[in-house]
N, C-alpha and C. Protein backbone atom coordinates (compact mmCIF):
# COMPACT_ATOMS: atom_id res chain seq x y z
N MET A 1 0.79 -1.11 -0.05
CA MET A 1 0.02 0.01 -0.06
C MET A 1 0.88 1.27 0.00
N LYS A 2 0.70 2.21 -0.82
CA LYS A 2 1.40 3.40 -0.95
C LYS A 2 1.25 4.16 0.39
N GLY A 3 2.36 4.62 0.72
CA GLY A 3 2.45 5.38 2.08
C GLY A 3 2.94 4.62 3.15
N ASP A 4 3.27 3.26 2.89
CA ASP A 4 3.78 2.51 3.97
C ASP A 4 5.25 2.30 3.89
N ILE A 5 5.79 2.25 2.79
CA ILE A 5 7.29 1.88 2.62
C ILE A 5 8.00 3.13 2.19
N MET A 6 9.03 3.56 2.81
CA MET A 6 9.93 4.67 2.42
C MET A 6 11.29 4.11 2.48
N ASP A 7 12.09 4.38 1.59
CA ASP A 7 13.64 4.04 1.54
C ASP A 7 14.38 5.36 1.60
N VAL A 8 15.21 5.41 2.62
CA VAL A 8 15.94 6.58 2.80
C VAL A 8 17.47 6.15 2.71
N GLU A 9 18.24 6.97 2.01
CA GLU A 9 19.76 6.88 1.76
C GLU A 9 20.45 8.14 2.08
N VAL A 10 21.61 8.15 2.67
CA VAL A 10 22.47 9.30 2.90
C VAL A 10 23.73 9.11 2.16
N ASP A 11 24.25 10.34 1.75
CA ASP A 11 25.54 10.34 1.09
C ASP A 11 26.45 11.06 2.10
N GLN A 12 27.30 10.19 2.89
CA GLN A 12 28.05 10.87 3.89
C GLN A 12 29.10 11.65 3.25
N HIS A 13 29.58 11.42 2.06
CA HIS A 13 30.57 12.11 1.33
C HIS A 13 30.18 13.52 1.02
N ALA A 14 28.90 13.65 0.66
CA ALA A 14 28.35 14.95 0.36
C ALA A 14 27.93 15.77 1.64
N CYS A 15 27.73 15.11 2.75
CA CYS A 15 27.19 15.86 3.86
C CYS A 15 28.18 16.91 4.23
N VAL A 16 27.60 18.10 4.63
CA VAL A 16 28.49 19.16 5.15
C VAL A 16 28.25 19.38 6.59
N GLY A 17 27.44 18.37 7.33
CA GLY A 17 27.33 18.56 8.84
C GLY A 17 26.53 19.65 9.33
N SER A 18 25.55 20.09 8.54
CA SER A 18 24.75 21.21 8.99
C SER A 18 23.84 20.99 10.12
N GLY A 19 23.38 19.79 10.18
CA GLY A 19 22.57 19.27 11.40
C GLY A 19 21.05 19.49 11.12
N GLN A 20 20.71 19.95 9.96
CA GLN A 20 19.23 20.08 9.63
C GLN A 20 18.46 18.90 9.78
N CYS A 21 19.03 17.90 9.21
CA CYS A 21 18.25 16.52 9.24
C CYS A 21 18.02 16.17 10.63
N LEU A 22 18.89 16.18 11.57
CA LEU A 22 18.82 15.78 12.94
C LEU A 22 17.77 16.63 13.65
N LEU A 23 17.83 17.90 13.34
CA LEU A 23 16.83 18.75 13.96
C LEU A 23 15.42 18.54 13.52
N THR A 24 15.34 18.10 12.21
CA THR A 24 13.99 17.89 11.62
C THR A 24 13.43 16.41 11.96
N ALA A 25 14.29 15.44 11.96
CA ALA A 25 13.74 14.10 12.09
C ALA A 25 14.86 13.28 13.02
N PRO A 26 14.97 13.65 14.26
CA PRO A 26 15.98 13.04 15.09
C PRO A 26 15.69 11.52 15.23
N GLU A 27 14.53 10.99 14.98
CA GLU A 27 14.27 9.65 15.08
C GLU A 27 14.88 8.82 13.90
N VAL A 28 15.28 9.58 12.82
CA VAL A 28 15.83 8.86 11.73
C VAL A 28 17.28 9.17 11.37
N PHE A 29 17.70 10.43 11.75
CA PHE A 29 18.98 10.89 11.55
C PHE A 29 19.81 11.26 12.87
N ASP A 30 21.04 11.07 12.68
CA ASP A 30 21.94 11.51 13.86
C ASP A 30 23.15 12.03 13.18
N GLN A 31 24.20 12.49 13.98
CA GLN A 31 25.37 13.02 13.49
C GLN A 31 26.55 12.28 14.20
N ARG A 32 27.59 11.96 13.51
CA ARG A 32 28.77 11.37 14.22
C ARG A 32 29.45 12.51 15.17
N ASP A 33 29.74 12.09 16.38
CA ASP A 33 30.54 13.02 17.24
C ASP A 33 31.80 13.54 16.61
N SER A 34 32.50 12.81 16.07
CA SER A 34 33.77 13.07 15.55
C SER A 34 33.87 14.31 14.52
N ASP A 35 32.88 14.32 13.60
CA ASP A 35 32.89 15.37 12.54
C ASP A 35 31.49 15.83 11.97
N ALA A 36 30.44 15.41 12.75
CA ALA A 36 29.19 15.95 12.53
C ALA A 36 28.41 15.44 11.23
N ILE A 37 28.96 14.49 10.58
CA ILE A 37 28.52 13.96 9.46
C ILE A 37 27.29 13.09 9.67
N VAL A 38 26.35 13.08 8.85
CA VAL A 38 25.08 12.38 9.04
C VAL A 38 25.12 10.88 9.24
N GLU A 39 24.44 10.24 10.08
CA GLU A 39 24.22 8.87 10.27
C GLU A 39 22.76 8.54 10.19
N LEU A 40 22.54 7.56 9.50
CA LEU A 40 21.19 7.01 9.25
C LEU A 40 20.87 6.08 10.30
N LEU A 41 19.86 6.32 10.93
CA LEU A 41 19.32 5.54 12.04
C LEU A 41 18.23 4.42 11.56
N ASP A 42 17.63 4.95 10.64
CA ASP A 42 16.25 4.07 10.25
C ASP A 42 16.17 4.23 8.57
N ALA A 43 16.62 3.25 7.76
CA ALA A 43 16.52 3.39 6.40
C ALA A 43 15.00 3.30 5.86
N HIS A 44 14.19 2.71 6.71
CA HIS A 44 12.89 2.45 6.52
C HIS A 44 11.97 2.88 7.56
N PRO A 45 11.81 4.20 7.73
CA PRO A 45 11.09 4.74 8.80
C PRO A 45 9.63 4.43 8.69
N PRO A 46 8.98 4.49 9.78
CA PRO A 46 7.52 4.19 9.88
C PRO A 46 6.78 5.34 9.28
N PRO A 47 5.55 5.19 8.76
CA PRO A 47 4.81 6.15 8.15
C PRO A 47 4.61 7.52 8.89
N ALA A 48 4.58 7.47 10.22
CA ALA A 48 4.50 8.55 10.99
C ALA A 48 5.73 9.44 10.81
N GLN A 49 6.85 9.03 10.47
CA GLN A 49 7.96 9.88 10.19
C GLN A 49 8.21 10.29 8.88
N HIS A 50 7.44 9.94 7.92
CA HIS A 50 7.53 10.18 6.43
C HIS A 50 7.70 11.68 6.19
N GLU A 51 6.79 12.39 6.71
CA GLU A 51 6.67 13.94 6.42
C GLU A 51 8.02 14.53 6.94
N LYS A 52 8.38 14.14 8.13
CA LYS A 52 9.62 14.79 8.75
C LYS A 52 10.82 14.40 7.82
N VAL A 53 10.84 13.11 7.31
CA VAL A 53 12.00 12.76 6.51
C VAL A 53 12.03 13.42 5.27
N ARG A 54 10.97 13.60 4.56
CA ARG A 54 10.82 14.50 3.32
C ARG A 54 11.27 15.94 3.53
N ARG A 55 10.83 16.57 4.72
CA ARG A 55 11.30 17.85 5.08
C ARG A 55 12.87 17.87 5.16
N ALA A 56 13.41 16.85 5.92
CA ALA A 56 14.82 16.88 6.14
C ALA A 56 15.55 16.79 4.82
N ALA A 57 15.07 15.95 3.79
CA ALA A 57 15.72 15.76 2.59
C ALA A 57 15.67 17.05 1.77
N THR A 58 14.45 17.65 1.71
CA THR A 58 14.32 19.01 1.03
C THR A 58 15.17 20.10 1.63
N GLY A 59 15.43 20.13 2.99
CA GLY A 59 16.06 21.04 3.73
C GLY A 59 17.58 20.89 3.80
N CYS A 60 18.13 19.82 3.31
CA CYS A 60 19.51 19.43 3.34
C CYS A 60 20.32 20.35 2.43
N PRO A 61 21.14 21.20 2.89
CA PRO A 61 21.91 22.15 1.98
C PRO A 61 22.83 21.39 1.10
N ALA A 62 23.23 20.17 1.34
CA ALA A 62 24.19 19.43 0.44
C ALA A 62 23.43 18.35 -0.25
N THR A 63 22.12 18.28 -0.21
CA THR A 63 21.29 17.23 -0.90
C THR A 63 21.91 15.91 -0.75
N ALA A 64 22.16 15.58 0.52
CA ALA A 64 22.86 14.20 0.85
C ALA A 64 21.87 13.30 1.19
N ILE A 65 20.50 13.64 1.25
CA ILE A 65 19.59 12.73 1.69
C ILE A 65 18.65 12.38 0.29
N THR A 66 18.53 10.99 0.16
CA THR A 66 17.63 10.69 -0.93
C THR A 66 16.58 9.75 -0.36
N VAL A 67 15.29 10.14 -0.88
CA VAL A 67 14.12 9.48 -0.41
C VAL A 67 13.31 8.83 -1.61
N SER A 68 12.97 7.66 -1.41
CA SER A 68 12.26 6.93 -2.44
C SER A 68 11.23 6.11 -1.84
N GLY A 69 10.31 5.74 -2.79
CA GLY A 69 9.11 4.88 -2.31
C GLY A 69 8.08 5.93 -1.60
N ASP A 70 7.22 5.44 -0.84
CA ASP A 70 6.23 6.23 -0.26
C ASP A 70 5.45 7.07 -1.28
């Protein structure tokens, strides 16, 4: 059923460590302590997180987040 499955990928090489994704969807994204680069906590977040993840992807200044499905 549409809306149930979302695939999230991050490009750590493109990430600039702005932290916008973490602020927008902390259940799905984190940052490494050493250099603030994005870490993906959930590549298939539940539907309740989909809107936040889409906003995080749109707001990423490095376009380091890719969302598909959903």
